[in-house]
Amino acid sequence: MKKITILFVLFCSIASIALAQKPTINPQDTVPIRLFEKKFNESYERNIKKSRINGVYIPANLEEAHEELKALSQASSLEKFKSAEKFFVVDRLHYGLGRWMILNWNFYDGSRYSHFLKSLGVHHPDDMARFTLLTLHDVLNNIEPDIEVTVEKLVSERALLNAEKKQRN
């Protein structure tokens, strides 16, 4: 009985030492990650060429996105959006209409519209939705959207958010 107890304690000690050691990453362990990236990239390349994904029309550019949002919205809702303070209303719509755009226009997995926005310098899905809503507000108010300034502002805000997040961790 003493031998079994000693063996058990020895086994537990060895196991706890093994578990306490930091795991080493072997190059062959990254194969699933590389395979995932390859499949994602292949899917992305297919998606950016499609005019429809999951039955939803995907705009090709900003003007088409604005036209699609106007067509999908009630006139009274557009009027309220137009007359409201720009940043307030865009913030309020982010978790409704913004999320709808992110999911249905496939911002995470790529679409021709998200690809267009990336070409402008807008890369984060939340920023893509925000950019679309900010510029739509300008268009509805007969103001020419300043694309470069809007992109710059979104990129700098995203950089600040990322820096704050990194600092917390």
N, C-alpha and C. Protein backbone atom coordinates (compact mmCIF):
# COMPACT_ATOMS: atom_id res chain seq x y z
N MET A 1 0.81 -1.18 0.00
CA MET A 1 0.00 0.00 0.00
C MET A 1 0.87 1.26 0.00
N LYS A 2 1.99 1.20 0.77
CA LYS A 2 2.89 2.32 0.83
C LYS A 2 3.49 2.60 -0.54
N LYS A 3 3.84 1.53 -1.28
CA LYS A 3 4.43 1.70 -2.61
C LYS A 3 3.44 2.38 -3.56
N ILE A 4 2.19 2.00 -3.50
CA ILE A 4 1.18 2.58 -4.38
C ILE A 4 1.00 4.06 -4.05
N THR A 5 0.99 4.42 -2.78
CA THR A 5 0.83 5.81 -2.36
C THR A 5 2.02 6.62 -2.83
N ILE A 6 3.21 6.09 -2.67
CA ILE A 6 4.43 6.79 -3.11
C ILE A 6 4.42 6.96 -4.62
N LEU A 7 4.06 5.93 -5.36
CA LEU A 7 3.98 6.03 -6.82
C LEU A 7 2.94 7.06 -7.25
N PHE A 8 1.81 7.07 -6.55
CA PHE A 8 0.76 8.03 -6.88
C PHE A 8 1.24 9.46 -6.65
N VAL A 9 1.89 9.70 -5.52
CA VAL A 9 2.41 11.04 -5.21
C VAL A 9 3.47 11.44 -6.23
N LEU A 10 4.34 10.51 -6.59
CA LEU A 10 5.38 10.76 -7.59
C LEU A 10 4.74 11.10 -8.93
N PHE A 11 3.75 10.33 -9.34
CA PHE A 11 3.06 10.57 -10.60
C PHE A 11 2.40 11.95 -10.60
N CYS A 12 1.73 12.32 -9.52
CA CYS A 12 1.07 13.62 -9.42
C CYS A 12 2.09 14.77 -9.47
N SER A 13 3.23 14.57 -8.85
CA SER A 13 4.28 15.59 -8.86
C SER A 13 4.80 15.81 -10.27
N ILE A 14 5.07 14.72 -10.96
CA ILE A 14 5.57 14.81 -12.33
C ILE A 14 4.52 15.48 -13.22
N ALA A 15 3.28 15.10 -13.05
CA ALA A 15 2.20 15.67 -13.86
C ALA A 15 2.06 17.17 -13.60
N SER A 16 2.15 17.59 -12.35
CA SER A 16 2.00 19.02 -12.04
C SER A 16 3.17 19.82 -12.59
N ILE A 17 4.37 19.24 -12.56
CA ILE A 17 5.53 19.92 -13.14
C ILE A 17 5.35 20.07 -14.65
N ALA A 18 4.90 19.02 -15.29
CA ALA A 18 4.69 19.05 -16.73
C ALA A 18 3.63 20.09 -17.11
N LEU A 19 2.57 20.18 -16.33
CA LEU A 19 1.51 21.14 -16.63
C LEU A 19 1.94 22.57 -16.36
N ALA A 20 2.86 22.77 -15.43
CA ALA A 20 3.31 24.10 -15.08
C ALA A 20 4.26 24.70 -16.12
N GLN A 21 4.89 23.86 -16.90
CA GLN A 21 5.83 24.35 -17.91
C GLN A 21 5.07 25.04 -19.03
N LYS A 22 5.70 26.09 -19.59
CA LYS A 22 5.08 26.79 -20.72
C LYS A 22 5.15 25.88 -21.94
N PRO A 23 4.06 25.82 -22.68
CA PRO A 23 4.08 24.99 -23.87
C PRO A 23 4.96 25.62 -24.95
N THR A 24 5.62 24.78 -25.69
CA THR A 24 6.41 25.28 -26.81
C THR A 24 5.60 25.07 -28.08
N ILE A 25 5.73 26.03 -28.99
CA ILE A 25 4.99 25.95 -30.24
C ILE A 25 5.93 25.44 -31.33
N ASN A 26 5.55 24.34 -31.89
CA ASN A 26 6.31 23.77 -32.99
C ASN A 26 5.73 24.30 -34.29
N PRO A 27 6.57 24.47 -35.33
CA PRO A 27 6.07 24.96 -36.61
C PRO A 27 4.92 24.12 -37.17
N GLN A 28 4.95 22.82 -36.94
CA GLN A 28 3.88 21.97 -37.47
C GLN A 28 2.56 22.23 -36.75
N ASP A 29 2.60 22.82 -35.53
CA ASP A 29 1.37 23.14 -34.80
C ASP A 29 0.60 24.29 -35.43
N THR A 30 1.26 25.11 -36.26
CA THR A 30 0.61 26.27 -36.87
C THR A 30 -0.08 25.92 -38.18
N VAL A 31 0.01 24.69 -38.61
CA VAL A 31 -0.62 24.28 -39.86
C VAL A 31 -2.11 24.57 -39.86
N PRO A 32 -2.87 24.24 -38.80
CA PRO A 32 -4.30 24.57 -38.83
C PRO A 32 -4.56 26.07 -38.99
N ILE A 33 -3.73 26.91 -38.39
CA ILE A 33 -3.89 28.35 -38.51
C ILE A 33 -3.66 28.77 -39.96
N ARG A 34 -2.59 28.28 -40.57
CA ARG A 34 -2.32 28.62 -41.97
C ARG A 34 -3.43 28.12 -42.87
N LEU A 35 -3.98 26.95 -42.59
CA LEU A 35 -5.07 26.40 -43.38
C LEU A 35 -6.31 27.27 -43.23
N PHE A 36 -6.60 27.71 -42.01
CA PHE A 36 -7.73 28.60 -41.77
C PHE A 36 -7.56 29.90 -42.55
N GLU A 37 -6.36 30.49 -42.49
CA GLU A 37 -6.10 31.74 -43.21
C GLU A 37 -6.27 31.55 -44.70
N LYS A 38 -5.81 30.43 -45.23
CA LYS A 38 -5.93 30.15 -46.66
C LYS A 38 -7.40 30.06 -47.05
N LYS A 39 -8.18 29.32 -46.27
CA LYS A 39 -9.62 29.17 -46.56
C LYS A 39 -10.34 30.50 -46.43
N PHE A 40 -9.99 31.30 -45.41
CA PHE A 40 -10.60 32.61 -45.26
C PHE A 40 -10.28 33.49 -46.47
N ASN A 41 -9.03 33.51 -46.89
CA ASN A 41 -8.64 34.33 -48.04
C ASN A 41 -9.34 33.88 -49.32
N GLU A 42 -9.50 32.58 -49.50
CA GLU A 42 -10.21 32.08 -50.68
C GLU A 42 -11.67 32.53 -50.64
N SER A 43 -12.30 32.43 -49.48
CA SER A 43 -13.69 32.85 -49.32
C SER A 43 -13.81 34.36 -49.54
N TYR A 44 -12.88 35.12 -49.00
CA TYR A 44 -12.88 36.58 -49.15
C TYR A 44 -12.80 36.94 -50.63
N GLU A 45 -11.90 36.30 -51.36
CA GLU A 45 -11.75 36.59 -52.79
C GLU A 45 -13.03 36.29 -53.57
N ARG A 46 -13.74 35.25 -53.18
CA ARG A 46 -15.03 34.94 -53.83
C ARG A 46 -16.08 35.99 -53.46
N ASN A 47 -16.13 36.34 -52.18
CA ASN A 47 -17.16 37.27 -51.69
C ASN A 47 -17.07 38.65 -52.32
N ILE A 48 -15.86 39.15 -52.54
CA ILE A 48 -15.72 40.52 -53.04
C ILE A 48 -16.17 40.66 -54.49
N LYS A 49 -16.46 39.55 -55.13
CA LYS A 49 -16.94 39.59 -56.51
C LYS A 49 -18.46 39.42 -56.61
N LYS A 50 -19.11 39.09 -55.50
CA LYS A 50 -20.54 38.79 -55.53
C LYS A 50 -21.39 40.05 -55.36
N SER A 51 -22.47 40.12 -56.12
CA SER A 51 -23.42 41.22 -55.95
C SER A 51 -24.48 40.87 -54.90
N ARG A 52 -24.58 39.59 -54.56
CA ARG A 52 -25.51 39.14 -53.52
C ARG A 52 -24.81 38.10 -52.65
N ILE A 53 -25.04 38.22 -51.34
CA ILE A 53 -24.55 37.23 -50.40
C ILE A 53 -25.72 36.89 -49.49
N ASN A 54 -26.02 35.60 -49.40
CA ASN A 54 -27.17 35.13 -48.60
C ASN A 54 -28.47 35.83 -49.00
N GLY A 55 -28.61 36.10 -50.29
CA GLY A 55 -29.82 36.70 -50.82
C GLY A 55 -29.92 38.21 -50.63
N VAL A 56 -28.92 38.84 -50.05
CA VAL A 56 -28.95 40.28 -49.80
C VAL A 56 -28.06 40.98 -50.82
N TYR A 57 -28.60 42.04 -51.43
CA TYR A 57 -27.82 42.83 -52.40
C TYR A 57 -26.67 43.52 -51.69
N ILE A 58 -25.49 43.44 -52.29
CA ILE A 58 -24.29 44.06 -51.73
C ILE A 58 -23.91 45.25 -52.62
N PRO A 59 -23.91 46.46 -52.06
CA PRO A 59 -23.52 47.63 -52.86
C PRO A 59 -22.07 47.52 -53.32
N ALA A 60 -21.78 48.15 -54.46
CA ALA A 60 -20.42 48.12 -54.98
C ALA A 60 -19.61 49.32 -54.50
N ASN A 61 -20.30 50.40 -54.10
CA ASN A 61 -19.59 51.61 -53.69
C ASN A 61 -20.47 52.41 -52.73
N LEU A 62 -19.98 53.55 -52.33
CA LEU A 62 -20.68 54.37 -51.33
C LEU A 62 -22.02 54.87 -51.85
N GLU A 63 -22.05 55.32 -53.08
CA GLU A 63 -23.30 55.82 -53.64
C GLU A 63 -24.38 54.74 -53.65
N GLU A 64 -24.00 53.53 -54.05
CA GLU A 64 -24.96 52.43 -54.05
C GLU A 64 -25.40 52.08 -52.64
N ALA A 65 -24.49 52.17 -51.69
CA ALA A 65 -24.85 51.88 -50.29
C ALA A 65 -25.88 52.89 -49.81
N HIS A 66 -25.66 54.16 -50.11
CA HIS A 66 -26.61 55.20 -49.72
C HIS A 66 -27.97 54.95 -50.37
N GLU A 67 -27.97 54.64 -51.66
CA GLU A 67 -29.23 54.39 -52.37
C GLU A 67 -29.95 53.18 -51.78
N GLU A 68 -29.21 52.14 -51.45
CA GLU A 68 -29.81 50.93 -50.88
C GLU A 68 -30.41 51.23 -49.51
N LEU A 69 -29.72 51.99 -48.69
CA LEU A 69 -30.24 52.34 -47.36
C LEU A 69 -31.49 53.22 -47.49
N LYS A 70 -31.48 54.14 -48.44
CA LYS A 70 -32.67 54.98 -48.66
C LYS A 70 -33.85 54.13 -49.12
N ALA A 71 -33.58 53.17 -50.00
CA ALA A 71 -34.66 52.31 -50.51
C ALA A 71 -35.22 51.40 -49.42
N LEU A 72 -34.39 50.98 -48.50
CA LEU A 72 -34.82 50.08 -47.42
C LEU A 72 -35.50 50.81 -46.26
N SER A 73 -35.39 52.13 -46.23
CA SER A 73 -35.89 52.91 -45.10
C SER A 73 -37.19 53.62 -45.43
N GLN A 74 -37.98 53.85 -44.43
CA GLN A 74 -39.20 54.64 -44.59
C GLN A 74 -38.84 56.11 -44.71
N ALA A 75 -39.62 56.84 -45.46
CA ALA A 75 -39.36 58.27 -45.66
C ALA A 75 -39.34 59.03 -44.33
N SER A 76 -40.24 58.68 -43.42
CA SER A 76 -40.29 59.36 -42.12
C SER A 76 -39.01 59.09 -41.30
N SER A 77 -38.50 57.88 -41.40
CA SER A 77 -37.26 57.54 -40.68
C SER A 77 -36.07 58.30 -41.26
N LEU A 78 -36.03 58.40 -42.58
CA LEU A 78 -34.95 59.16 -43.22
C LEU A 78 -35.02 60.64 -42.84
N GLU A 79 -36.22 61.16 -42.74
CA GLU A 79 -36.39 62.56 -42.36
C GLU A 79 -35.90 62.79 -40.93
N LYS A 80 -36.23 61.88 -40.02
CA LYS A 80 -35.75 61.99 -38.63
C LYS A 80 -34.22 61.91 -38.59
N PHE A 81 -33.66 60.96 -39.34
CA PHE A 81 -32.21 60.80 -39.41
C PHE A 81 -31.56 62.08 -39.93
N LYS A 82 -32.12 62.62 -40.99
CA LYS A 82 -31.59 63.82 -41.64
C LYS A 82 -31.59 65.02 -40.69
N SER A 83 -32.68 65.19 -39.93
CA SER A 83 -32.83 66.38 -39.10
C SER A 83 -32.13 66.27 -37.74
N ALA A 84 -31.73 65.07 -37.36
CA ALA A 84 -31.07 64.89 -36.06
C ALA A 84 -29.60 65.33 -36.13
N GLU A 85 -29.04 65.59 -34.95
CA GLU A 85 -27.61 65.92 -34.87
C GLU A 85 -26.80 64.71 -35.35
N LYS A 86 -25.88 64.96 -36.25
CA LYS A 86 -25.16 63.91 -36.98
C LYS A 86 -24.53 62.84 -36.08
N PHE A 87 -23.67 63.21 -35.18
CA PHE A 87 -22.93 62.21 -34.39
C PHE A 87 -23.84 61.51 -33.39
N PHE A 88 -24.82 62.23 -32.88
CA PHE A 88 -25.78 61.62 -31.95
C PHE A 88 -26.56 60.52 -32.66
N VAL A 89 -27.13 60.84 -33.82
CA VAL A 89 -27.98 59.87 -34.51
C VAL A 89 -27.16 58.69 -35.04
N VAL A 90 -25.94 58.94 -35.49
CA VAL A 90 -25.09 57.84 -35.97
C VAL A 90 -24.76 56.90 -34.82
N ASP A 91 -24.45 57.45 -33.66
CA ASP A 91 -24.20 56.61 -32.48
C ASP A 91 -25.43 55.80 -32.10
N ARG A 92 -26.60 56.41 -32.15
CA ARG A 92 -27.84 55.73 -31.78
C ARG A 92 -28.18 54.60 -32.75
N LEU A 93 -27.86 54.77 -34.03
CA LEU A 93 -28.20 53.77 -35.04
C LEU A 93 -27.17 52.65 -35.17
N HIS A 94 -26.04 52.81 -34.51
CA HIS A 94 -24.96 51.83 -34.70
C HIS A 94 -25.39 50.41 -34.36
N TYR A 95 -26.09 50.23 -33.25
CA TYR A 95 -26.43 48.87 -32.82
C TYR A 95 -27.70 48.34 -33.47
N GLY A 96 -28.31 49.13 -34.32
CA GLY A 96 -29.48 48.68 -35.09
C GLY A 96 -29.09 48.55 -36.55
N LEU A 97 -29.24 49.66 -37.25
CA LEU A 97 -28.92 49.69 -38.68
C LEU A 97 -27.44 49.39 -38.93
N GLY A 98 -26.57 49.88 -38.06
CA GLY A 98 -25.14 49.61 -38.22
C GLY A 98 -24.83 48.12 -38.17
N ARG A 99 -25.40 47.43 -37.17
CA ARG A 99 -25.19 45.98 -37.06
C ARG A 99 -25.79 45.25 -38.26
N TRP A 100 -26.94 45.74 -38.74
CA TRP A 100 -27.55 45.14 -39.91
C TRP A 100 -26.59 45.20 -41.10
N MET A 101 -25.97 46.36 -41.32
CA MET A 101 -25.00 46.49 -42.42
C MET A 101 -23.82 45.55 -42.22
N ILE A 102 -23.28 45.54 -41.01
CA ILE A 102 -22.11 44.71 -40.72
C ILE A 102 -22.39 43.25 -41.04
N LEU A 103 -23.54 42.76 -40.62
CA LEU A 103 -23.87 41.35 -40.82
C LEU A 103 -24.34 41.06 -42.25
N ASN A 104 -25.27 41.85 -42.76
CA ASN A 104 -25.86 41.55 -44.05
C ASN A 104 -24.98 41.94 -45.23
N TRP A 105 -24.15 42.94 -45.06
CA TRP A 105 -23.23 43.32 -46.12
C TRP A 105 -21.86 42.66 -45.91
N ASN A 106 -21.81 41.72 -44.98
CA ASN A 106 -20.68 40.81 -44.80
C ASN A 106 -19.34 41.52 -44.55
N PHE A 107 -19.34 42.50 -43.65
CA PHE A 107 -18.12 43.24 -43.39
C PHE A 107 -17.02 42.38 -42.77
N TYR A 108 -17.37 41.40 -41.96
CA TYR A 108 -16.35 40.58 -41.32
C TYR A 108 -15.68 39.62 -42.31
N ASP A 109 -16.45 38.97 -43.14
CA ASP A 109 -15.90 37.95 -44.04
C ASP A 109 -15.61 38.47 -45.44
N GLY A 110 -15.90 39.73 -45.68
CA GLY A 110 -15.59 40.34 -46.96
C GLY A 110 -16.78 40.37 -47.90
N SER A 111 -16.92 41.49 -48.57
CA SER A 111 -17.92 41.68 -49.61
C SER A 111 -17.37 42.76 -50.54
N ARG A 112 -18.05 42.97 -51.64
CA ARG A 112 -17.52 43.99 -52.54
C ARG A 112 -17.60 45.37 -51.91
N TYR A 113 -18.61 45.62 -51.06
CA TYR A 113 -18.68 46.92 -50.40
C TYR A 113 -17.61 47.06 -49.31
N SER A 114 -17.40 46.03 -48.50
CA SER A 114 -16.35 46.12 -47.47
C SER A 114 -14.98 46.26 -48.13
N HIS A 115 -14.80 45.59 -49.27
CA HIS A 115 -13.54 45.70 -50.01
C HIS A 115 -13.34 47.13 -50.52
N PHE A 116 -14.43 47.73 -51.01
CA PHE A 116 -14.39 49.13 -51.44
C PHE A 116 -13.98 50.03 -50.27
N LEU A 117 -14.61 49.83 -49.11
CA LEU A 117 -14.29 50.65 -47.94
C LEU A 117 -12.84 50.47 -47.50
N LYS A 118 -12.34 49.25 -47.58
CA LYS A 118 -10.93 49.01 -47.24
C LYS A 118 -10.02 49.78 -48.18
N SER A 119 -10.41 49.90 -49.45
CA SER A 119 -9.59 50.66 -50.41
C SER A 119 -9.54 52.14 -50.04
N LEU A 120 -10.54 52.62 -49.30
CA LEU A 120 -10.54 54.01 -48.82
C LEU A 120 -9.72 54.18 -47.55
N GLY A 121 -9.44 53.04 -46.87
CA GLY A 121 -8.68 53.09 -45.62
C GLY A 121 -9.49 52.75 -44.39
N VAL A 122 -10.76 52.36 -44.57
CA VAL A 122 -11.63 51.98 -43.45
C VAL A 122 -11.60 50.47 -43.35
N HIS A 123 -11.05 49.93 -42.25
CA HIS A 123 -10.82 48.49 -42.16
C HIS A 123 -11.69 47.77 -41.13
N HIS A 124 -12.05 48.41 -40.06
CA HIS A 124 -12.81 47.75 -39.00
C HIS A 124 -14.29 47.76 -39.36
N PRO A 125 -15.00 46.62 -39.19
CA PRO A 125 -16.42 46.57 -39.52
C PRO A 125 -17.27 47.65 -38.84
N ASP A 126 -17.01 47.95 -37.56
CA ASP A 126 -17.76 49.02 -36.89
C ASP A 126 -17.52 50.37 -37.56
N ASP A 127 -16.28 50.61 -37.98
CA ASP A 127 -15.94 51.86 -38.65
C ASP A 127 -16.59 51.92 -40.04
N MET A 128 -16.71 50.77 -40.70
CA MET A 128 -17.36 50.73 -42.02
C MET A 128 -18.82 51.17 -41.90
N ALA A 129 -19.51 50.66 -40.89
CA ALA A 129 -20.91 51.03 -40.68
C ALA A 129 -21.00 52.50 -40.30
N ARG A 130 -20.14 52.93 -39.42
CA ARG A 130 -20.14 54.33 -38.98
C ARG A 130 -19.86 55.27 -40.15
N PHE A 131 -18.88 54.93 -40.98
CA PHE A 131 -18.54 55.73 -42.15
C PHE A 131 -19.74 55.87 -43.08
N THR A 132 -20.43 54.77 -43.32
CA THR A 132 -21.58 54.78 -44.22
C THR A 132 -22.69 55.67 -43.66
N LEU A 133 -22.95 55.57 -42.37
CA LEU A 133 -23.99 56.40 -41.75
C LEU A 133 -23.60 57.88 -41.71
N LEU A 134 -22.35 58.17 -41.40
CA LEU A 134 -21.90 59.57 -41.36
C LEU A 134 -22.03 60.23 -42.74
N THR A 135 -21.60 59.51 -43.76
CA THR A 135 -21.66 60.09 -45.11
C THR A 135 -23.10 60.15 -45.62
N LEU A 136 -23.94 59.20 -45.22
CA LEU A 136 -25.36 59.26 -45.60
C LEU A 136 -26.02 60.50 -44.99
N HIS A 137 -25.70 60.80 -43.76
CA HIS A 137 -26.25 61.99 -43.11
C HIS A 137 -25.86 63.23 -43.90
N ASP A 138 -24.62 63.32 -44.33
CA ASP A 138 -24.18 64.46 -45.14
C ASP A 138 -24.98 64.53 -46.44
N VAL A 139 -25.09 63.42 -47.15
CA VAL A 139 -25.78 63.39 -48.44
C VAL A 139 -27.24 63.82 -48.29
N LEU A 140 -27.91 63.32 -47.26
CA LEU A 140 -29.31 63.68 -47.05
C LEU A 140 -29.48 65.18 -46.77
N ASN A 141 -28.43 65.80 -46.22
CA ASN A 141 -28.46 67.23 -45.93
C ASN A 141 -27.79 68.06 -47.02
N ASN A 142 -27.62 67.45 -48.20
CA ASN A 142 -27.02 68.14 -49.36
C ASN A 142 -25.64 68.71 -49.07
N ILE A 143 -24.88 67.97 -48.27
CA ILE A 143 -23.49 68.33 -47.96
C ILE A 143 -22.61 67.29 -48.64
N GLU A 144 -21.61 67.75 -49.36
CA GLU A 144 -20.67 66.81 -49.99
C GLU A 144 -19.82 66.17 -48.90
N PRO A 145 -19.90 64.83 -48.75
CA PRO A 145 -19.10 64.19 -47.69
C PRO A 145 -17.61 64.38 -47.94
N ASP A 146 -16.89 64.74 -46.90
CA ASP A 146 -15.44 64.84 -47.01
C ASP A 146 -14.86 63.47 -46.64
N ILE A 147 -14.70 62.64 -47.66
CA ILE A 147 -14.28 61.25 -47.48
C ILE A 147 -12.96 61.15 -46.72
N GLU A 148 -11.98 61.92 -47.16
CA GLU A 148 -10.64 61.83 -46.55
C GLU A 148 -10.66 62.20 -45.07
N VAL A 149 -11.35 63.27 -44.73
CA VAL A 149 -11.41 63.72 -43.33
C VAL A 149 -12.15 62.68 -42.48
N THR A 150 -13.25 62.14 -43.02
CA THR A 150 -14.03 61.15 -42.27
C THR A 150 -13.20 59.89 -42.04
N VAL A 151 -12.49 59.44 -43.07
CA VAL A 151 -11.64 58.26 -42.93
C VAL A 151 -10.54 58.53 -41.91
N GLU A 152 -9.89 59.68 -42.01
CA GLU A 152 -8.82 60.04 -41.06
C GLU A 152 -9.32 60.01 -39.62
N LYS A 153 -10.51 60.59 -39.42
CA LYS A 153 -11.08 60.64 -38.08
C LYS A 153 -11.36 59.23 -37.55
N LEU A 154 -11.96 58.39 -38.38
CA LEU A 154 -12.27 57.03 -37.95
C LEU A 154 -11.00 56.23 -37.66
N VAL A 155 -9.99 56.39 -38.51
CA VAL A 155 -8.73 55.66 -38.32
C VAL A 155 -8.04 56.11 -37.03
N SER A 156 -8.04 57.40 -36.77
CA SER A 156 -7.38 57.88 -35.54
C SER A 156 -8.16 57.46 -34.29
N GLU A 157 -9.50 57.48 -34.36
CA GLU A 157 -10.30 57.00 -33.23
C GLU A 157 -10.05 55.52 -32.97
N ARG A 158 -9.94 54.73 -34.04
CA ARG A 158 -9.70 53.29 -33.89
C ARG A 158 -8.31 53.07 -33.28
N ALA A 159 -7.32 53.83 -33.71
CA ALA A 159 -5.97 53.70 -33.16
C ALA A 159 -5.97 54.03 -31.67
N LEU A 160 -6.71 55.05 -31.28
CA LEU A 160 -6.81 55.43 -29.87
C LEU A 160 -7.49 54.33 -29.06
N LEU A 161 -8.58 53.77 -29.59
CA LEU A 161 -9.27 52.67 -28.91
C LEU A 161 -8.35 51.47 -28.73
N ASN A 162 -7.60 51.15 -29.78
CA ASN A 162 -6.68 50.01 -29.70
C ASN A 162 -5.56 50.25 -28.69
N ALA A 163 -5.06 51.49 -28.63
CA ALA A 163 -4.01 51.82 -27.66
C ALA A 163 -4.53 51.72 -26.24
N GLU A 164 -5.75 52.21 -26.01
CA GLU A 164 -6.36 52.10 -24.68
C GLU A 164 -6.59 50.65 -24.28
N LYS A 165 -7.04 49.88 -25.22
CA LYS A 165 -7.27 48.45 -24.96
C LYS A 165 -5.96 47.74 -24.62
N LYS A 166 -4.93 48.06 -25.38
CA LYS A 166 -3.61 47.44 -25.14
C LYS A 166 -3.07 47.84 -23.77
N GLN A 167 -3.30 49.09 -23.40
CA GLN A 167 -2.83 49.58 -22.10
C GLN A 167 -3.53 48.88 -20.95
N ARG A 168 -4.84 48.58 -21.11
CA ARG A 168 -5.58 47.88 -20.06
C ARG A 168 -5.08 46.45 -19.89
N ASN A 169 -4.64 45.85 -20.96
CA ASN A 169 -4.19 44.44 -20.88
C ASN A 169 -2.77 44.40 -20.50
